[in-house]
PDB file of N, CA and C in Angstrom:
ATOM      1  N   MET A   1    -155.461  49.586 -36.153  1.00  0.00           N
ATOM      2  CA  MET A   1    -155.466  50.249 -37.322  1.00  0.00           C
ATOM      3  C   MET A   1    -156.910  49.654 -38.686  1.00  0.00           C
ATOM      4  N   LYS A   2    -157.167  50.467 -38.835  1.00  0.00           N
ATOM      5  CA  LYS A   2    -158.981  50.508 -39.650  1.00  0.00           C
ATOM      6  C   LYS A   2    -157.780  49.308 -40.833  1.00  0.00           C
ATOM      7  N   SER A   3    -158.695  48.476 -41.558  1.00  0.00           N
ATOM      8  CA  SER A   3    -158.452  47.810 -42.836  1.00  0.00           C
ATOM      9  C   SER A   3    -158.477  48.815 -44.222  1.00  0.00           C
ATOM     10  N   LEU A   4    -158.190  49.557 -45.043  1.00  0.00           N
ATOM     11  CA  LEU A   4    -157.958  50.116 -46.098  1.00  0.00           C
ATOM     12  C   LEU A   4    -158.644  50.223 -47.033  1.00  0.00           C
ATOM     13  N   ALA A   5    -159.905  50.669 -47.632  1.00  0.00           N
ATOM     14  CA  ALA A   5    -160.712  50.110 -49.758  1.00  0.00           C
ATOM     15  C   ALA A   5    -159.456  50.633 -50.162  1.00  0.00           C
ATOM     16  N   ILE A   6    -158.254  50.401 -50.479  1.00  0.00           N
ATOM     17  CA  ILE A   6    -156.817  51.210 -51.976  1.00  0.00           C
ATOM     18  C   ILE A   6    -156.558  49.550 -52.077  1.00  0.00           C
ATOM     19  N   ARG A   7    -156.212  48.818 -53.018  1.00  0.00           N
ATOM     20  CA  ARG A   7    -156.765  48.319 -53.490  1.00  0.00           C
ATOM     21  C   ARG A   7    -154.380  48.313 -53.647  1.00  0.00           C
ATOM     22  N   PRO A   8    -154.444  46.830 -53.420  1.00  0.00           N
ATOM     23  CA  PRO A   8    -152.257  47.128 -53.416  1.00  0.00           C
ATOM     24  C   PRO A   8    -152.001  46.442 -55.000  1.00  0.00           C
ATOM     25  N   SER A   9    -150.825  47.582 -54.529  1.00  0.00           N
ATOM     26  CA  SER A   9    -150.111  47.241 -55.776  1.00  0.00           C
ATOM     27  C   SER A   9    -150.698  45.478 -56.728  1.00  0.00           C
ATOM     28  N   ALA A  10    -150.004  45.182 -57.730  1.00  0.00           N
ATOM     29  CA  ALA A  10    -149.900  43.190 -58.621  1.00  0.00           C
ATOM     30  C   ALA A  10    -148.607  43.711 -58.405  1.00  0.00           C
ATOM     31  N   LYS A  11    -147.182  44.323 -58.266  1.00  0.00           N
ATOM     32  CA  LYS A  11    -145.828  44.347 -57.521  1.00  0.00           C
ATOM     33  C   LYS A  11    -145.654  45.417 -56.206  1.00  0.00           C
ATOM     34  N   PRO A  12    -144.643  45.022 -55.763  1.00  0.00           N
ATOM     35  CA  PRO A  12    -144.174  45.782 -54.975  1.00  0.00           C
ATOM     36  C   PRO A  12    -143.618  47.055 -55.567  1.00  0.00           C
ATOM     37  N   TYR A  13    -143.899  48.063 -55.410  1.00  0.00           N
ATOM     38  CA  TYR A  13    -143.247  48.804 -55.725  1.00  0.00           C
ATOM     39  C   TYR A  13    -142.027  49.616 -54.679  1.00  0.00           C
ATOM     40  N   ILE A  14    -140.979  50.336 -55.962  1.00  0.00           N
ATOM     41  CA  ILE A  14    -139.707  50.383 -55.179  1.00  0.00           C
ATOM     42  C   ILE A  14    -139.343  51.778 -56.765  1.00  0.00           C
ATOM     43  N   ASP A  15    -137.889  52.688 -55.963  1.00  0.00           N
ATOM     44  CA  ASP A  15    -138.275  53.461 -55.448  1.00  0.00           C
ATOM     45  C   ASP A  15    -136.296  53.885 -55.663  1.00  0.00           C
ATOM     46  N   ARG A  16    -135.575  53.063 -57.203  1.00  0.00           N
ATOM     47  CA  ARG A  16    -135.048  52.536 -56.950  1.00  0.00           C
ATOM     48  C   ARG A  16    -133.605  54.285 -57.190  1.00  0.00           C
ATOM     49  N   LEU A  17    -134.073  55.079 -57.216  1.00  0.00           N
ATOM     50  CA  LEU A  17    -134.066  56.864 -58.141  1.00  0.00           C
ATOM     51  C   LEU A  17    -133.311  57.202 -56.565  1.00  0.00           C
ATOM     52  N   LYS A  18    -134.339  57.363 -55.883  1.00  0.00           N
ATOM     53  CA  LYS A  18    -134.633  58.520 -54.834  1.00  0.00           C
ATOM     54  C   LYS A  18    -133.848  57.463 -53.671  1.00  0.00           C
ATOM     55  N   PHE A  19    -134.630  56.401 -53.267  1.00  0.00           N
ATOM     56  CA  PHE A  19    -134.750  55.404 -52.315  1.00  0.00           C
ATOM     57  C   PHE A  19    -134.179  53.574 -53.015  1.00  0.00           C
ATOM     58  N   PRO A  20    -132.876  53.824 -52.680  1.00  0.00           N
ATOM     59  CA  PRO A  20    -131.580  52.607 -53.931  1.00  0.00           C
ATOM     60  C   PRO A  20    -131.984  51.137 -52.969  1.00  0.00           C
ATOM     61  N   TYR A  21    -131.246  52.276 -51.851  1.00  0.00           N
ATOM     62  CA  TYR A  21    -131.651  50.189 -51.197  1.00  0.00           C
ATOM     63  C   TYR A  21    -132.956  49.421 -50.745  1.00  0.00           C
ATOM     64  N   GLY A  22    -133.778  50.518 -51.089  1.00  0.00           N
ATOM     65  CA  GLY A  22    -135.580  49.463 -50.877  1.00  0.00           C
ATOM     66  C   GLY A  22    -136.233  51.020 -49.977  1.00  0.00           C
ATOM     67  N   PHE A  23    -137.186  51.120 -48.861  1.00  0.00           N
ATOM     68  CA  PHE A  23    -137.569  52.004 -48.075  1.00  0.00           C
ATOM     69  C   PHE A  23    -136.758  51.860 -46.684  1.00  0.00           C
ATOM     70  N   ARG A  24    -136.958  50.285 -46.638  1.00  0.00           N
ATOM     71  CA  ARG A  24    -136.719  49.577 -44.511  1.00  0.00           C
ATOM     72  C   ARG A  24    -135.369  49.967 -45.019  1.00  0.00           C
ATOM     73  N   LYS A  25    -134.511  50.304 -45.696  1.00  0.00           N
ATOM     74  CA  LYS A  25    -133.112  50.302 -45.688  1.00  0.00           C
ATOM     75  C   LYS A  25    -132.867  51.790 -45.133  1.00  0.00           C
ATOM     76  N   SER A  26    -133.363  52.666 -45.796  1.00  0.00           N
ATOM     77  CA  SER A  26    -133.242  54.165 -46.466  1.00  0.00           C
ATOM     78  C   SER A  26    -132.984  55.048 -44.565  1.00  0.00           C
ATOM     79  N   GLY A  27    -133.404  54.110 -43.638  1.00  0.00           N
ATOM     80  CA  GLY A  27    -133.423  55.031 -42.488  1.00  0.00           C
ATOM     81  C   GLY A  27    -134.707  55.801 -42.417  1.00  0.00           C
ATOM     82  N   ASP A  28    -135.352  56.385 -43.457  1.00  0.00           N
ATOM     83  CA  ASP A  28    -136.041  57.291 -43.564  1.00  0.00           C
ATOM     84  C   ASP A  28    -137.675  57.309 -42.834  1.00  0.00           C
ATOM     85  N   PHE A  29    -137.480  55.881 -43.543  1.00  0.00           N
ATOM     86  CA  PHE A  29    -138.935  55.348 -42.993  1.00  0.00           C
ATOM     87  C   PHE A  29    -139.274  54.505 -41.417  1.00  0.00           C
ATOM     88  N   SER A  30    -140.322  54.585 -41.256  1.00  0.00           N
ATOM     89  CA  SER A  30    -141.340  52.935 -40.479  1.00  0.00           C
ATOM     90  C   SER A  30    -140.899  52.035 -40.948  1.00  0.00           C
ATOM     91  N   ILE A  31    -140.480  50.522 -40.854  1.00  0.00           N
ATOM     92  CA  ILE A  31    -141.511  49.591 -40.556  1.00  0.00           C
ATOM     93  C   ILE A  31    -142.456  49.182 -41.756  1.00  0.00           C
ATOM     94  N   ALA A  32    -143.800  49.608 -40.769  1.00  0.00           N
ATOM     95  CA  ALA A  32    -145.220  49.723 -41.286  1.00  0.00           C
ATOM     96  C   ALA A  32    -145.376  50.574 -42.916  1.00  0.00           C
ATOM     97  N   GLU A  33    -144.402  51.984 -42.700  1.00  0.00           N
ATOM     98  CA  GLU A  33    -144.712  53.031 -43.160  1.00  0.00           C
ATOM     99  C   GLU A  33    -143.813  52.038 -44.812  1.00  0.00           C
ATOM    100  N   ALA A  34    -142.978  51.432 -44.379  1.00  0.00           N
ATOM    101  CA  ALA A  34    -142.288  51.110 -45.557  1.00  0.00           C
ATOM    102  C   ALA A  34    -142.840  49.733 -46.866  1.00  0.00           C
ATOM    103  N   ASP A  35    -143.491  49.107 -45.136  1.00  0.00           N
ATOM    104  CA  ASP A  35    -144.198  47.895 -46.059  1.00  0.00           C
ATOM    105  C   ASP A  35    -145.722  48.742 -46.725  1.00  0.00           C
ATOM    106  N   LEU A  36    -145.990  49.873 -45.683  1.00  0.00           N
ATOM    107  CA  LEU A  36    -147.617  50.232 -46.795  1.00  0.00           C
ATOM    108  C   LEU A  36    -146.881  50.847 -47.833  1.00  0.00           C
ATOM    109  N   LEU A  37    -145.911  51.618 -48.297  1.00  0.00           N
ATOM    110  CA  LEU A  37    -145.312  52.666 -49.425  1.00  0.00           C
ATOM    111  C   LEU A  37    -144.927  51.245 -50.690  1.00  0.00           C
ATOM    112  N   THR A  38    -144.083  50.483 -50.354  1.00  0.00           N
ATOM    113  CA  THR A  38    -143.756  48.672 -51.161  1.00  0.00           C
ATOM    114  C   THR A  38    -144.884  48.410 -51.162  1.00  0.00           C
ATOM    115  N   THR A  39    -146.337  47.874 -50.725  1.00  0.00           N
ATOM    116  CA  THR A  39    -147.523  47.464 -51.058  1.00  0.00           C
ATOM    117  C   THR A  39    -149.235  48.467 -52.113  1.00  0.00           C
ATOM    118  N   TYR A  40    -149.048  49.538 -51.300  1.00  0.00           N
ATOM    119  CA  TYR A  40    -149.863  49.799 -51.958  1.00  0.00           C
ATOM    120  C   TYR A  40    -149.027  51.232 -53.065  1.00  0.00           C
ATOM    121  N   GLY A  41    -147.941  51.316 -53.738  1.00  0.00           N
ATOM    122  CA  GLY A  41    -147.673  52.338 -53.753  1.00  0.00           C
ATOM    123  C   GLY A  41    -147.264  52.653 -55.776  1.00  0.00           C
ATOM    124  N   LYS A  42    -147.496  51.330 -55.531  1.00  0.00           N
ATOM    125  CA  LYS A  42    -148.114  51.784 -57.487  1.00  0.00           C
ATOM    126  C   LYS A  42    -149.344  52.886 -57.594  1.00  0.00           C
ATOM    127  N   THR A  43    -150.411  51.416 -57.047  1.00  0.00           N
ATOM    128  CA  THR A  43    -152.100  52.496 -56.820  1.00  0.00           C
ATOM    129  C   THR A  43    -151.785  54.289 -56.718  1.00  0.00           C
ATOM    130  N   LEU A  44    -150.656  54.288 -55.271  1.00  0.00           N
ATOM    131  CA  LEU A  44    -151.074  55.510 -55.152  1.00  0.00           C
ATOM    132  C   LEU A  44    -150.853  56.307 -55.986  1.00  0.00           C
ATOM    133  N   LEU A  45    -149.908  56.077 -56.699  1.00  0.00           N
ATOM    134  CA  LEU A  45    -149.177  56.741 -57.966  1.00  0.00           C
ATOM    135  C   LEU A  45    -149.924  57.025 -58.710  1.00  0.00           C
ATOM    136  N   GLY A  46    -150.274  55.556 -59.400  1.00  0.00           N
ATOM    137  CA  GLY A  46    -151.407  55.781 -60.299  1.00  0.00           C
ATOM    138  C   GLY A  46    -152.642  57.248 -59.676  1.00  0.00           C
ATOM    139  N   LEU A  47    -153.442  56.940 -58.484  1.00  0.00           N
ATOM    140  CA  LEU A  47    -154.438  57.944 -57.353  1.00  0.00           C
ATOM    141  C   LEU A  47    -153.599  59.350 -58.232  1.00  0.00           C
ATOM    142  N   GLU A  48    -152.113  59.333 -58.185  1.00  0.00           N
ATOM    143  CA  GLU A  48    -151.887  60.723 -57.793  1.00  0.00           C
ATOM    144  C   GLU A  48    -151.555  61.555 -59.248  1.00  0.00           C
ATOM    145  N   SER A  49    -151.581  60.671 -59.747  1.00  0.00           N
ATOM    146  CA  SER A  49    -150.678  60.784 -61.042  1.00  0.00           C
ATOM    147  C   SER A  49    -152.282  61.197 -62.550  1.00  0.00           C
ATOM    148  N   GLY A  50    -153.096  59.874 -61.683  1.00  0.00           N
ATOM    149  CA  GLY A  50    -154.680  60.446 -63.284  1.00  0.00           C
ATOM    150  C   GLY A  50    -154.278  59.129 -63.827  1.00  0.00           C
ATOM    151  N   GLU A  51    -153.942  57.637 -63.580  1.00  0.00           N
ATOM    152  CA  GLU A  51    -153.824  57.136 -64.778  1.00  0.00           C
ATOM    153  C   GLU A  51    -154.869  55.664 -63.983  1.00  0.00           C
ATOM    154  N   LEU A  52    -155.374  56.399 -62.963  1.00  0.00           N
ATOM    155  CA  LEU A  52    -156.230  55.191 -61.931  1.00  0.00           C
ATOM    156  C   LEU A  52    -157.819  56.390 -61.773  1.00  0.00           C
ATOM    157  N   LYS A  53    -158.246  55.832 -61.487  1.00  0.00           N
ATOM    158  CA  LYS A  53    -160.451  56.236 -60.978  1.00  0.00           C
ATOM    159  C   LYS A  53    -159.994  55.690 -60.129  1.00  0.00           C
ATOM    160  N   PRO A  54    -160.645  55.870 -58.782  1.00  0.00           N
ATOM    161  CA  PRO A  54    -160.760  55.681 -57.742  1.00  0.00           C
ATOM    162  C   PRO A  54    -161.854  55.012 -57.971  1.00  0.00           C
ATOM    163  N   GLU A  55    -161.612  53.913 -56.818  1.00  0.00           N
ATOM    164  CA  GLU A  55    -162.941  53.251 -56.812  1.00  0.00           C
ATOM    165  C   GLU A  55    -163.335  52.654 -55.406  1.00  0.00           C
ATOM    166  N   SER A  56    -162.904  53.433 -54.456  1.00  0.00           N
ATOM    167  CA  SER A  56    -163.832  53.364 -53.565  1.00  0.00           C
ATOM    168  C   SER A  56    -164.233  55.274 -52.706  1.00  0.00           C
ATOM    169  N   ASP A  57    -164.505  54.851 -51.633  1.00  0.00           N
ATOM    170  CA  ASP A  57    -164.315  55.852 -50.830  1.00  0.00           C
ATOM    171  C   ASP A  57    -162.570  55.935 -49.945  1.00  0.00           C
ATOM    172  N   ASP A  58    -162.240  55.320 -49.700  1.00  0.00           N
ATOM    173  CA  ASP A  58    -160.449  55.134 -49.093  1.00  0.00           C
ATOM    174  C   ASP A  58    -160.122  56.204 -50.833  1.00  0.00           C
ATOM    175  N   GLU A  59    -159.584  55.252 -51.072  1.00  0.00           N
ATOM    176  CA  GLU A  59    -159.332  55.422 -52.725  1.00  0.00           C
ATOM    177  C   GLU A  59    -159.771  57.321 -52.817  1.00  0.00           C
ATOM    178  N   ALA A  60    -161.235  57.985 -52.710  1.00  0.00           N
ATOM    179  CA  ALA A  60    -162.062  58.845 -53.613  1.00  0.00           C
ATOM    180  C   ALA A  60    -161.014  60.393 -52.943  1.00  0.00           C
ATOM    181  N   HIS A  61    -160.706  59.495 -51.060  1.00  0.00           N
ATOM    182  CA  HIS A  61    -160.299  60.001 -49.751  1.00  0.00           C
ATOM    183  C   HIS A  61    -159.004  60.384 -50.664  1.00  0.00           C
ATOM    184  N   PHE A  62    -158.036  59.977 -50.682  1.00  0.00           N
ATOM    185  CA  PHE A  62    -156.901  59.886 -51.288  1.00  0.00           C
ATOM    186  C   PHE A  62    -156.337  60.684 -52.247  1.00  0.00           C
ATOM    187  N   VAL A  63    -157.743  61.279 -52.874  1.00  0.00           N
ATOM    188  CA  VAL A  63    -156.997  62.106 -54.431  1.00  0.00           C
ATOM    189  C   VAL A  63    -158.138  63.715 -53.981  1.00  0.00           C
ATOM    190  N   ASP A  64    -158.723  63.098 -52.676  1.00  0.00           N
ATOM    191  CA  ASP A  64    -158.417  64.488 -52.602  1.00  0.00           C
ATOM    192  C   ASP A  64    -157.714  65.508 -51.465  1.00  0.00           C
ATOM    193  N   PHE A  65    -157.007  64.209 -50.770  1.00  0.00           N
ATOM    194  CA  PHE A  65    -155.838  64.497 -49.553  1.00  0.00           C
ATOM    195  C   PHE A  65    -154.254  64.334 -50.791  1.00  0.00           C
ATOM    196  N   ILE A  66    -154.553  64.142 -52.055  1.00  0.00           N
ATOM    197  CA  ILE A  66    -153.706  64.819 -52.567  1.00  0.00           C
ATOM    198  C   ILE A  66    -153.501  66.006 -53.309  1.00  0.00           C
ATOM    199  N   SER A  67    -155.094  66.480 -53.882  1.00  0.00           N
ATOM    200  CA  SER A  67    -155.176  67.350 -54.379  1.00  0.00           C
ATOM    201  C   SER A  67    -155.347  68.455 -53.078  1.00  0.00           C
ATOM    202  N   GLY A  68    -154.947  67.938 -52.104  1.00  0.00           N
ATOM    203  CA  GLY A  68    -155.424  69.278 -50.899  1.00  0.00           C
ATOM    204  C   GLY A  68    -155.802  69.661 -50.588  1.00  0.00           C
ATOM    205  N   LYS A  69    -157.491  69.684 -50.615  1.00  0.00           N
ATOM    206  CA  LYS A  69    -158.273  69.145 -50.499  1.00  0.00           C
ATOM    207  C   LYS A  69    -159.451  68.992 -48.486  1.00  0.00           C
ATOM    208  N   VAL A  70    -158.193  67.688 -48.639  1.00  0.00           N
ATOM    209  CA  VAL A  70    -158.800  67.364 -46.851  1.00  0.00           C
ATOM    210  C   VAL A  70    -157.064  67.092 -46.687  1.00  0.00           C
ATOM    211  N   GLU A  71    -156.990  66.916 -45.067  1.00  0.00           N
ATOM    212  CA  GLU A  71    -155.786  67.439 -44.378  1.00  0.00           C
ATOM    213  C   GLU A  71    -156.147  64.331 -44.294  1.00  0.00           C
ATOM    214  N   ALA A  72    -154.780  64.733 -44.343  1.00  0.00           N
ATOM    215  CA  ALA A  72    -154.275  63.362 -44.096  1.00  0.00           C
ATOM    216  C   ALA A  72    -154.604  62.062 -42.703  1.00  0.00           C
ATOM    217  N   SER A  73    -155.885  62.086 -43.233  1.00  0.00           N
ATOM    218  CA  SER A  73    -156.640  60.611 -42.222  1.00  0.00           C
ATOM    219  C   SER A  73    -155.888  59.760 -41.142  1.00  0.00           C
ATOM    220  N   ASN A  74    -155.295  59.376 -42.270  1.00  0.00           N
ATOM    221  CA  ASN A  74    -154.700  57.641 -41.678  1.00  0.00           C
ATOM    222  C   ASN A  74    -153.455  57.645 -42.382  1.00  0.00           C
ATOM    223  N   ASN A  75    -152.931  56.507 -41.556  1.00  0.00           N
ATOM    224  CA  ASN A  75    -151.014  56.345 -42.328  1.00  0.00           C
ATOM    225  C   ASN A  75    -150.788  56.245 -43.246  1.00  0.00           C
ATOM    226  N   MET A  76    -151.394  55.428 -44.653  1.00  0.00           N
ATOM    227  CA  MET A  76    -150.314  55.737 -45.449  1.00  0.00           C
ATOM    228  C   MET A  76    -150.444  56.760 -45.990  1.00  0.00           C
ATOM    229  N   GLU A  77    -151.810  57.804 -46.655  1.00  0.00           N
ATOM    230  CA  GLU A  77    -152.049  59.390 -46.399  1.00  0.00           C
ATOM    231  C   GLU A  77    -151.064  60.189 -46.003  1.00  0.00           C
ATOM    232  N   LYS A  78    -150.266  59.605 -44.522  1.00  0.00           N
ATOM    233  CA  LYS A  78    -148.947  60.366 -44.271  1.00  0.00           C
ATOM    234  C   LYS A  78    -148.061  60.032 -44.457  1.00  0.00           C
ATOM    235  N   ALA A  79    -148.218  58.082 -44.383  1.00  0.00           N
ATOM    236  CA  ALA A  79    -146.753  57.742 -45.474  1.00  0.00           C
ATOM    237  C   ALA A  79    -146.632  58.124 -47.032  1.00  0.00           C
ATOM    238  N   TRP A  80    -147.367  58.540 -47.641  1.00  0.00           N
ATOM    239  CA  TRP A  80    -147.271  59.140 -49.463  1.00  0.00           C
ATOM    240  C   TRP A  80    -146.999  60.349 -49.038  1.00  0.00           C
ATOM    241  N   ALA A  81    -147.571  61.275 -47.786  1.00  0.00           N
ATOM    242  CA  ALA A  81    -146.676  62.494 -47.903  1.00  0.00           C
ATOM    243  C   ALA A  81    -145.605  62.489 -47.568  1.00  0.00           C
ATOM    244  N   LYS A  82    -145.803  62.280 -46.879  1.00  0.00           N
ATOM    245  CA  LYS A  82    -143.810  61.970 -45.521  1.00  0.00           C
ATOM    246  C   LYS A  82    -142.484  61.611 -47.061  1.00  0.00           C
ATOM    247  N   TYR A  83    -143.271  59.959 -48.195  1.00  0.00           N
ATOM    248  CA  TYR A  83    -142.381  59.499 -49.257  1.00  0.00           C
ATOM    249  C   TYR A  83    -142.809  60.985 -50.299  1.00  0.00           C
ATOM    250  N   VAL A  84    -143.497  61.639 -50.371  1.00  0.00           N
ATOM    251  CA  VAL A  84    -143.295  62.386 -51.686  1.00  0.00           C
ATOM    252  C   VAL A  84    -142.819  63.706 -51.537  1.00  0.00           C
ATOM    253  N   ARG A  85    -142.453  64.138 -50.000  1.00  0.00           N
ATOM    254  CA  ARG A  85    -142.122  65.090 -49.292  1.00  0.00           C
ATOM    255  C   ARG A  85    -140.202  64.962 -48.768  1.00  0.00           C
ATOM    256  N   LEU A  86    -139.729  63.658 -49.424  1.00  0.00           N
ATOM    257  CA  LEU A  86    -137.919  63.351 -49.072  1.00  0.00           C
ATOM    258  C   LEU A  86    -137.820  62.681 -50.890  1.00  0.00           C
ATOM    259  N   ALA A  87    -138.745  63.018 -51.580  1.00  0.00           N
ATOM    260  CA  ALA A  87    -138.479  61.933 -52.601  1.00  0.00           C
ATOM    261  C   ALA A  87    -138.233  63.565 -53.770  1.00  0.00           C
ATOM    262  N   ARG A  88    -139.351  64.969 -53.532  1.00  0.00           N
ATOM    263  CA  ARG A  88    -139.614  64.980 -54.334  1.00  0.00           C
ATOM    264  C   ARG A  88    -138.912  66.227 -53.715  1.00  0.00           C
ATOM    265  N   GLY A  89    -138.919  66.873 -52.488  1.00  0.00           N
ATOM    266  CA  GLY A  89    -138.481  68.176 -52.337  1.00  0.00           C
ATOM    267  C   GLY A  89    -136.740  68.457 -51.635  1.00  0.00           C
ATOM    268  N   LYS A  90    -136.791  69.515 -52.057  1.00  0.00           N
ATOM    269  CA  LYS A  90    -135.392  69.530 -51.315  1.00  0.00           C
ATOM    270  C   LYS A  90    -134.333  69.079 -50.853  1.00  0.00           C
ATOM    271  N   LYS A  91    -133.066  68.514 -51.495  1.00  0.00           N
ATOM    272  CA  LYS A  91    -132.794  68.361 -50.453  1.00  0.00           C
ATOM    273  C   LYS A  91    -131.144  69.329 -49.434  1.00  0.00           C
ATOM    274  N   HIS A  92    -131.703  69.792 -48.470  1.00  0.00           N
ATOM    275  CA  HIS A  92    -130.391  70.641 -47.417  1.00  0.00           C
ATOM    276  C   HIS A  92    -129.264  69.351 -47.653  1.00  0.00           C
ATOM    277  N   PHE A  93    -128.453  70.778 -47.210  1.00  0.00           N
ATOM    278  CA  PHE A  93    -126.729  70.360 -46.894  1.00  0.00           C
ATOM    279  C   PHE A  93    -125.974  71.097 -46.475  1.00  0.00           C
ATOM    280  N   TYR A  94    -125.391  70.482 -45.640  1.00  0.00           N
ATOM    281  CA  TYR A  94    -125.244  71.341 -44.372  1.00  0.00           C
ATOM    282  C   TYR A  94    -122.747  70.880 -44.201  1.00  0.00           C
ATOM    283  N   THR A  95    -122.473  71.853 -44.327  1.00  0.00           N
ATOM    284  CA  THR A  95    -121.493  71.532 -43.835  1.00  0.00           C
ATOM    285  C   THR A  95    -120.424  71.850 -42.583  1.00  0.00           C
ATOM    286  N   LEU A  96    -119.552  71.929 -42.530  1.00  0.00           N
ATOM    287  CA  LEU A  96    -118.647  71.789 -41.315  1.00  0.00           C
ATOM    288  C   LEU A  96    -117.890  72.875 -41.583  1.00  0.00           C
ATOM    289  N   HIS A  97    -117.353  73.540 -43.078  1.00  0.00           N
ATOM    290  CA  HIS A  97    -116.346  74.773 -43.227  1.00  0.00           C
ATOM    291  C   HIS A  97    -117.262  74.947 -44.380  1.00  0.00           C
ATOM    292  N   SER A  98    -116.826  76.460 -44.621  1.00  0.00           N
ATOM    293  CA  SER A  98    -117.124  77.137 -45.582  1.00  0.00           C
ATOM    294  C   SER A  98    -115.641  77.934 -46.185  1.00  0.00           C
ATOM    295  N   SER A  99    -116.245  78.178 -46.925  1.00  0.00           N
ATOM    296  CA  SER A  99    -114.310  79.177 -47.791  1.00  0.00           C
ATOM    297  C   SER A  99    -114.596  81.089 -47.239  1.00  0.00           C
ATOM    298  N   ALA A 100    -113.744  81.588 -47.683  1.00  0.00           N
ATOM    299  CA  ALA A 100    -113.561  83.064 -47.343  1.00  0.00           C
ATOM    300  C   ALA A 100    -114.129  83.335 -48.155  1.00  0.00           C
ATOM    301  N   SER A 101    -114.249  82.842 -49.585  1.00  0.00           N
ATOM    302  CA  SER A 101    -115.079  83.563 -50.300  1.00  0.00           C
ATOM    303  C   SER A 101    -116.583  84.022 -51.042  1.00  0.00           C
ATOM    304  N   ASN A 102    -117.184  82.498 -49.925  1.00  0.00           N
ATOM    305  CA  ASN A 102    -118.072  82.572 -49.804  1.00  0.00           C
ATOM    306  C   ASN A 102    -118.923  83.288 -48.484  1.00  0.00           C
ATOM    307  N   GLN A 103    -117.780  83.209 -47.288  1.00  0.00           N
ATOM    308  CA  GLN A 103    -118.246  84.403 -46.206  1.00  0.00           C
ATOM    309  C   GLN A 103    -118.366  85.676 -47.323  1.00  0.00           C
ATOM    310  N   SER A 104    -117.668  86.328 -47.990  1.00  0.00           N
ATOM    311  CA  SER A 104    -117.752  87.973 -48.210  1.00  0.00           C
ATOM    312  C   SER A 104    -119.273  87.909 -48.874  1.00  0.00           C
ATOM    313  N   ASP A 105    -120.254  86.494 -49.062  1.00  0.00           N
ATOM    314  CA  ASP A 105    -121.457  86.752 -49.928  1.00  0.00           C
ATOM    315  C   ASP A 105    -121.805  87.263 -48.557  1.00  0.00           C
ATOM    316  N   TYR A 106    -122.544  86.395 -47.398  1.00  0.00           N
ATOM    317  CA  TYR A 106    -122.819  87.245 -46.381  1.00  0.00           C
ATOM    318  C   TYR A 106    -122.724  87.930 -45.365  1.00  0.00           C
ATOM    319  N   ASP A 107    -121.349  88.691 -44.915  1.00  0.00           N
ATOM    320  CA  ASP A 107    -120.510  88.960 -44.710  1.00  0.00           C
ATOM    321  C   ASP A 107    -120.903  91.044 -44.849  1.00  0.00           C
ATOM    322  N   ASP A 108    -121.274  91.310 -44.248  1.00  0.00           N
ATOM    323  CA  ASP A 108    -121.341  93.741 -44.735  1.00  0.00           C
ATOM    324  C   ASP A 108    -120.243  93.987 -43.943  1.00  0.00           C
ATOM    325  N   ASP A 109    -119.786  93.278 -43.194  1.00  0.00           N
ATOM    326  CA  ASP A 109    -118.465  94.137 -42.970  1.00  0.00           C
ATOM    327  C   ASP A 109    -117.001  93.812 -43.966  1.00  0.00           C
ATOM    328  N   TYR A 110    -117.172  93.035 -44.478  1.00  0.00           N
ATOM    329  CA  TYR A 110    -115.798  92.577 -46.066  1.00  0.00           C
ATOM    330  C   TYR A 110    -115.960  93.666 -46.768  1.00  0.00           C
ATOM    331  N   SER A 111    -115.165  94.172 -46.987  1.00  0.00           N
ATOM    332  CA  SER A 111    -114.705  94.406 -48.318  1.00  0.00           C
ATOM    333  C   SER A 111    -113.724  94.685 -48.885  1.00  0.00           C
ATOM    334  N   ASP A 112    -113.006  94.600 -50.123  1.00  0.00           N
ATOM    335  CA  ASP A 112    -112.080  94.423 -50.363  1.00  0.00           C
ATOM    336  C   ASP A 112    -111.099  95.491 -50.040  1.00  0.00           C
ATOM    337  N   ASP A 113    -111.957  97.043 -50.519  1.00  0.00           N
ATOM    338  CA  ASP A 113    -111.630  97.809 -51.180  1.00  0.00           C
ATOM    339  C   ASP A 113    -110.400  98.448 -49.154  1.00  0.00           C
ATOM    340  N   GLU A 114    -111.503  98.247 -48.687  1.00  0.00           N
ATOM    341  CA  GLU A 114    -110.228  97.733 -47.311  1.00  0.00           C
ATOM    342  C   GLU A 114    -108.802  98.025 -46.790  1.00  0.00           C
ATOM    343  N   PHE A 115    -108.692  96.772 -47.509  1.00  0.00           N
ATOM    344  CA  PHE A 115    -107.304  96.128 -47.404  1.00  0.00           C
ATOM    345  C   PHE A 115    -106.085  96.691 -48.654  1.00  0.00           C
ATOM    346  N   ASP A 116    -107.088  97.765 -49.969  1.00  0.00           N
ATOM    347  CA  ASP A 116    -105.926  98.367 -50.369  1.00  0.00           C
ATOM    348  C   ASP A 116    -104.893  99.107 -49.838  1.00  0.00           C
ATOM    349  N   VAL A 117    -104.143  99.153 -49.746  1.00  0.00           N
ATOM    350  CA  VAL A 117    -102.226  99.476 -49.451  1.00  0.00           C
ATOM    351  C   VAL A 117    -102.201 100.513 -50.260  1.00  0.00           C
ATOM    352  N   ALA A 118    -102.075 102.063 -50.960  1.00  0.00           N
ATOM    353  CA  ALA A 118    -101.555 103.220 -51.854  1.00  0.00           C
ATOM    354  C   ALA A 118     -99.700 102.740 -51.529  1.00  0.00           C
TER     355      ALA A 118
END
C-alpha cells in the first residue's frame, strides 16, 4: 500500500458511542481498517468538519472525497466511508415475529368490518 501524506492523530480516535469496545472488536471493520481509523480518525474528522485545513495533496483529495467531488481512491477513504455509513446511518432492525395489529397495516385484505356479526 502506498504511504499517504495524511497527518496521524496526536491521540487515538475512539468512538465510544457507536463502537464502545473499539473498532477492532466491533466485528464491522478489518484489522487494517480499524488501525487506520484509530490512527488517523481525529485528523479525518477535523478535515471533514473544517476544523483542519488540508496540508497535503492526499488531505485535499480526502476533503474532495468527503464533499462528494471524487470517489474513494485509497483504503483510508474507503474505511472512513464505511465508518460514516455504520456510525451515522440508520440501523436496520429485523424481527422474527410481528404482531397481528402491525400486520393489519400492511395487509390490504384485512378489515375489521369483515368480522362484525350482527
